[in-house]
Amino acid sequence: MAQKILIIEDEPAILLGLKDELSQDYEVFTAANGTQGLEIAQKAHPGLTLLDLILPDIDGFEVCRQLKEKGVDSSIIMLTARDQVVDKIQGLELGADDYVTKPFSLEELKARIKAVLRRRELAPAQGYKDDILEIDFKRYKAAKKAKPLKLSYLEFKLLRFLISRKGQIVSRKELLEQVWGYEVTPSTRTVDAHIVSLRKKIGRKYLATVHGQGYRFEA
C-alpha cells in the first residue's frame, strides 16, 4: 500500500505540480488552506504532510501546532519562501521534521520526503490517540473511552509495531521476528492468538486481517 502524503499549499501551480509528481509513488491528498488541511489530515491520517508556511487563513506554524494537538501522527516538512533561521527553529520546535525553502528542486524535495519517511518507518510509535482509543507507549498505559485497559507487555509491543506501520500490511513472519525475536518462524498460532486478544480489548475495527498476507492497523 502506498504511503499517504498530504500537501497543504495555497499556490495552485505548486499544488498541482507537486500532486502530479508525487502521485507516481504516493497516495496524495491536497488542501489549499490550513483549515481544509486539518480536516483532511484527521480523516486520511497521512504519513507525511508537506506544509506551506504562509497560508490564507491560518499559518503553517498554527497548522503544525494543531496537528500535534489533535494527535495526528504525521511527519511534517515545511515549505516556505522565507529563509530565516528563527522560522526554521520555530517550525522544528513545533514538531516539524524538516524545512525546505522555495524555490526548491523536485529532486531535492523527493529526497527529503524519502529520508523523512524512512526515519518514520524505523522509529517506533510513541503513542496513539483518537476519539475512542488512547495509548501511551512510554508509560505503558492504555484507555478505551477514557476507561483504563489492561494490556500485557507483549501486547503493548505488538500494538506499537503495528501502529508504527499504520496502514501497511505486516506479515506474521515479520511480527514474529520484530516483536517476538524469533529468527526461525515457529509453526504456531502465536500471532493470531495475540491479535484475537487485542481485538477483544481495543476493538475489532483497528486490526484488519489481510488473508494470506498478514495484519494491518487501521485508524
Protein backbone atom coordinates (compact mmCIF):
# COMPACT_ATOMS: atom_id res chain seq x y z
CA MET A 1 0.00 0.00 0.00
CA ALA A 2 1.36 3.42 -0.99
CA GLN A 3 2.28 5.90 1.72
CA LYS A 4 -0.16 8.79 2.12
CA ILE A 5 1.06 12.36 1.64
CA LEU A 6 -0.98 15.50 2.31
CA ILE A 7 0.03 18.72 0.54
CA ILE A 8 -1.21 21.96 2.15
CA GLU A 9 -0.31 24.73 -0.30
CA ASP A 10 -2.27 27.79 -1.48
CA GLU A 11 -0.37 28.40 -4.74
CA PRO A 12 -2.33 26.38 -7.37
CA ALA A 13 0.62 25.84 -9.73
CA ILE A 14 2.82 24.45 -6.97
CA LEU A 15 -0.02 22.37 -5.52
CA LEU A 16 -0.92 20.73 -8.83
CA GLY A 17 2.71 20.29 -9.84
CA LEU A 18 3.57 18.51 -6.59
CA LYS A 19 0.44 16.38 -6.77
CA ASP A 20 1.20 15.22 -10.33
CA GLU A 21 4.82 14.43 -9.50
CA LEU A 22 4.25 12.68 -6.16
CA SER A 23 1.18 10.71 -7.26
CA GLN A 24 3.52 8.41 -9.16
CA ASP A 25 4.82 6.98 -5.89
CA TYR A 26 2.38 8.00 -3.17
CA GLU A 27 -1.33 8.37 -2.41
CA VAL A 28 -1.68 12.16 -2.46
CA PHE A 29 -4.27 14.42 -0.78
CA THR A 30 -4.36 18.20 -1.29
CA ALA A 31 -5.65 21.25 0.56
CA ALA A 32 -5.49 24.94 -0.42
CA ASN A 33 -5.66 26.31 3.14
CA GLY A 34 -4.90 25.33 6.71
CA THR A 35 -8.47 24.67 7.84
CA GLN A 36 -9.12 22.26 4.99
CA GLY A 37 -5.73 20.66 5.56
CA LEU A 38 -6.52 19.95 9.22
CA GLU A 39 -9.85 18.36 8.29
CA ILE A 40 -8.26 16.10 5.67
CA ALA A 41 -5.38 15.15 7.96
CA GLN A 42 -7.75 13.91 10.66
CA LYS A 43 -9.63 11.75 8.15
CA ALA A 44 -6.82 10.49 5.90
CA HIS A 45 -4.04 10.10 8.52
CA PRO A 46 -1.17 10.88 6.10
CA GLY A 47 2.27 9.54 6.91
CA LEU A 48 3.74 12.85 5.75
CA THR A 49 2.42 16.40 5.36
CA LEU A 50 4.03 18.99 3.06
CA LEU A 51 3.01 22.19 4.81
CA ASP A 52 3.33 25.67 3.30
CA LEU A 53 4.20 28.22 5.98
CA ILE A 54 2.21 31.13 4.51
CA LEU A 55 -1.47 30.23 4.05
CA PRO A 56 -4.55 32.42 3.51
CA ASP A 57 -6.36 31.55 6.76
CA ILE A 58 -4.06 30.19 9.48
CA ASP A 59 -0.30 29.97 9.04
CA GLY A 60 1.72 26.79 8.82
CA PHE A 61 3.00 27.17 12.39
CA GLU A 62 -0.56 27.06 13.72
CA VAL A 63 -1.46 24.14 11.46
CA CYS A 64 1.59 22.27 12.74
CA ARG A 65 0.63 23.00 16.35
CA GLN A 66 -2.96 21.85 15.84
CA LEU A 67 -1.90 18.67 14.04
CA LYS A 68 0.15 17.68 17.09
CA GLU A 69 -2.58 18.84 19.49
CA LYS A 70 -5.22 16.75 17.71
CA GLY A 71 -2.98 13.67 17.81
CA VAL A 72 -2.45 13.41 14.04
CA ASP A 73 0.60 11.16 13.68
CA SER A 74 2.07 12.73 10.55
CA SER A 75 5.65 13.70 9.81
CA ILE A 76 5.88 17.30 8.59
CA ILE A 77 8.07 19.03 6.02
CA MET A 78 7.54 22.79 5.98
CA LEU A 79 7.68 24.68 2.67
CA THR A 80 8.34 28.41 2.70
CA ALA A 81 9.75 31.29 0.72
CA ARG A 82 11.32 32.65 3.91
CA ASP A 83 14.83 31.50 4.70
CA GLN A 84 15.11 32.84 8.23
CA VAL A 85 16.75 30.80 10.97
CA VAL A 86 14.11 31.88 13.51
CA ASP A 87 11.35 30.41 11.31
CA LYS A 88 13.23 27.13 10.98
CA ILE A 89 13.77 26.90 14.72
CA GLN A 90 10.12 27.69 15.46
CA GLY A 91 8.93 25.07 12.97
CA LEU A 92 11.21 22.38 14.38
CA GLU A 93 10.22 23.24 17.94
CA LEU A 94 6.56 22.80 16.99
CA GLY A 95 7.31 19.29 15.72
CA ALA A 96 8.22 19.72 12.04
CA ASP A 97 10.69 17.10 10.77
CA ASP A 98 12.31 19.13 8.00
CA TYR A 99 12.23 22.54 6.32
CA VAL A 100 12.57 23.29 2.59
CA THR A 101 12.97 26.82 1.25
CA LYS A 102 11.33 27.91 -2.01
CA PRO A 103 12.32 27.72 -4.77
CA PHE A 104 13.37 24.09 -4.42
CA SER A 105 14.11 21.35 -6.92
CA LEU A 106 11.72 18.42 -7.13
CA GLU A 107 14.62 16.01 -6.81
CA GLU A 108 15.73 17.61 -3.56
CA LEU A 109 12.20 17.57 -2.17
CA LYS A 110 11.66 13.94 -3.15
CA ALA A 111 14.94 13.01 -1.47
CA ARG A 112 13.85 14.83 1.70
CA ILE A 113 10.48 13.04 1.59
CA LYS A 114 12.14 9.63 1.29
CA ALA A 115 14.51 10.43 4.16
CA VAL A 116 11.71 11.54 6.49
CA LEU A 117 9.53 8.54 5.64
CA ARG A 118 12.50 6.20 6.13
CA ARG A 119 13.14 7.66 9.59
CA ARG A 120 9.46 7.33 10.34
CA GLU A 121 9.46 3.63 9.48
CA LEU A 122 12.50 2.99 11.65
CA ALA A 123 11.20 4.95 14.63
CA PRO A 124 8.78 3.13 16.95
CA ALA A 125 5.43 4.78 17.62
CA GLN A 126 5.35 6.86 20.81
CA GLY A 127 1.60 6.72 21.20
CA TYR A 128 -1.80 6.76 19.55
CA LYS A 129 -4.95 8.74 20.20
CA ASP A 130 -8.37 9.10 18.62
CA ASP A 131 -11.94 9.63 19.90
CA ILE A 132 -12.06 6.09 21.34
CA LEU A 133 -8.56 4.81 21.99
CA GLU A 134 -5.56 6.38 23.75
CA ILE A 135 -2.23 4.59 24.12
CA ASP A 136 0.98 5.86 25.70
CA PHE A 137 3.89 3.54 24.89
CA LYS A 138 6.33 5.47 27.06
CA ARG A 139 4.35 4.84 30.23
CA TYR A 140 2.66 1.60 29.07
CA LYS A 141 -0.82 2.98 29.66
CA ALA A 142 -3.91 2.48 27.54
CA ALA A 143 -7.54 3.57 27.74
CA LYS A 144 -10.70 2.96 25.72
CA LYS A 145 -13.42 5.60 26.01
CA ALA A 146 -11.43 7.01 28.97
CA LYS A 147 -11.53 3.68 30.83
CA PRO A 148 -8.15 2.03 31.57
CA LEU A 149 -7.22 -1.05 29.54
CA LYS A 150 -5.08 -3.87 30.86
CA LEU A 151 -2.57 -4.84 28.19
CA SER A 152 0.38 -7.16 28.67
CA TYR A 153 3.91 -6.02 27.86
CA LEU A 154 3.87 -8.20 24.73
CA GLU A 155 0.51 -6.76 23.66
CA PHE A 156 1.93 -3.24 24.02
CA LYS A 157 4.97 -4.28 21.99
CA LEU A 158 2.84 -5.88 19.25
CA LEU A 159 0.49 -2.91 19.07
CA ARG A 160 3.38 -0.45 18.98
CA PHE A 161 4.93 -2.20 15.99
CA LEU A 162 1.63 -2.39 14.11
CA ILE A 163 0.90 1.29 14.77
CA SER A 164 4.40 2.27 13.60
CA ARG A 165 3.44 0.62 10.29
CA LYS A 166 -0.08 2.08 10.30
CA GLY A 167 -1.92 1.42 7.06
CA GLN A 168 0.67 -1.13 5.89
CA ILE A 169 0.31 -4.91 5.75
CA VAL A 170 2.65 -6.65 8.19
CA SER A 171 3.23 -10.38 7.76
CA ARG A 172 3.13 -12.92 10.61
CA LYS A 173 6.78 -13.72 9.88
CA GLU A 174 7.81 -10.09 10.32
CA LEU A 175 5.82 -9.79 13.55
CA LEU A 176 7.44 -12.94 14.94
CA GLU A 177 10.89 -11.61 14.04
CA GLN A 178 10.41 -8.00 15.19
CA VAL A 179 8.12 -8.45 18.20
CA TRP A 180 8.92 -11.94 19.48
CA GLY A 181 12.52 -12.04 18.27
CA TYR A 182 12.23 -15.40 16.54
CA GLU A 183 14.82 -15.97 13.81
CA VAL A 184 13.09 -19.15 12.68
CA THR A 185 9.33 -18.92 12.24
CA PRO A 186 7.63 -21.43 14.55
CA SER A 187 4.63 -23.39 13.34
CA THR A 188 2.31 -21.94 15.97
CA ARG A 189 -0.67 -19.59 16.03
CA THR A 190 1.12 -17.24 18.42
CA VAL A 191 0.48 -14.07 16.42
CA ASP A 192 -3.15 -14.96 15.68
CA ALA A 193 -3.88 -15.60 19.36
CA HIS A 194 -2.45 -12.25 20.42
CA ILE A 195 -4.34 -10.42 17.66
CA VAL A 196 -7.60 -12.02 18.87
CA SER A 197 -6.81 -10.91 22.43
CA LEU A 198 -6.03 -7.35 21.34
CA ARG A 199 -9.21 -7.13 19.27
CA LYS A 200 -11.28 -8.04 22.32
CA LYS A 201 -9.62 -5.26 24.30
CA ILE A 202 -9.25 -2.37 21.84
CA GLY A 203 -11.95 -3.22 19.28
CA ARG A 204 -12.03 -5.22 16.05
CA LYS A 205 -12.00 -2.20 13.73
CA TYR A 206 -8.35 -1.37 14.46
CA LEU A 207 -6.78 -4.68 13.45
CA ALA A 208 -7.62 -5.87 9.94
CA THR A 209 -6.73 -9.32 8.65
CA VAL A 210 -5.42 -9.40 5.09
CA HIS A 211 -5.90 -13.04 4.17
CA GLY A 212 -2.73 -14.79 3.10
CA GLN A 213 -0.59 -11.74 3.88
CA GLY A 214 -0.88 -10.64 7.50
CA TYR A 215 -2.38 -7.82 9.54
CA ARG A 216 -2.83 -4.06 9.23
CA PHE A 217 -3.54 -1.41 11.86
CA GLU A 218 -6.32 0.88 10.66
CA ALA A 219 -7.12 4.21 12.28
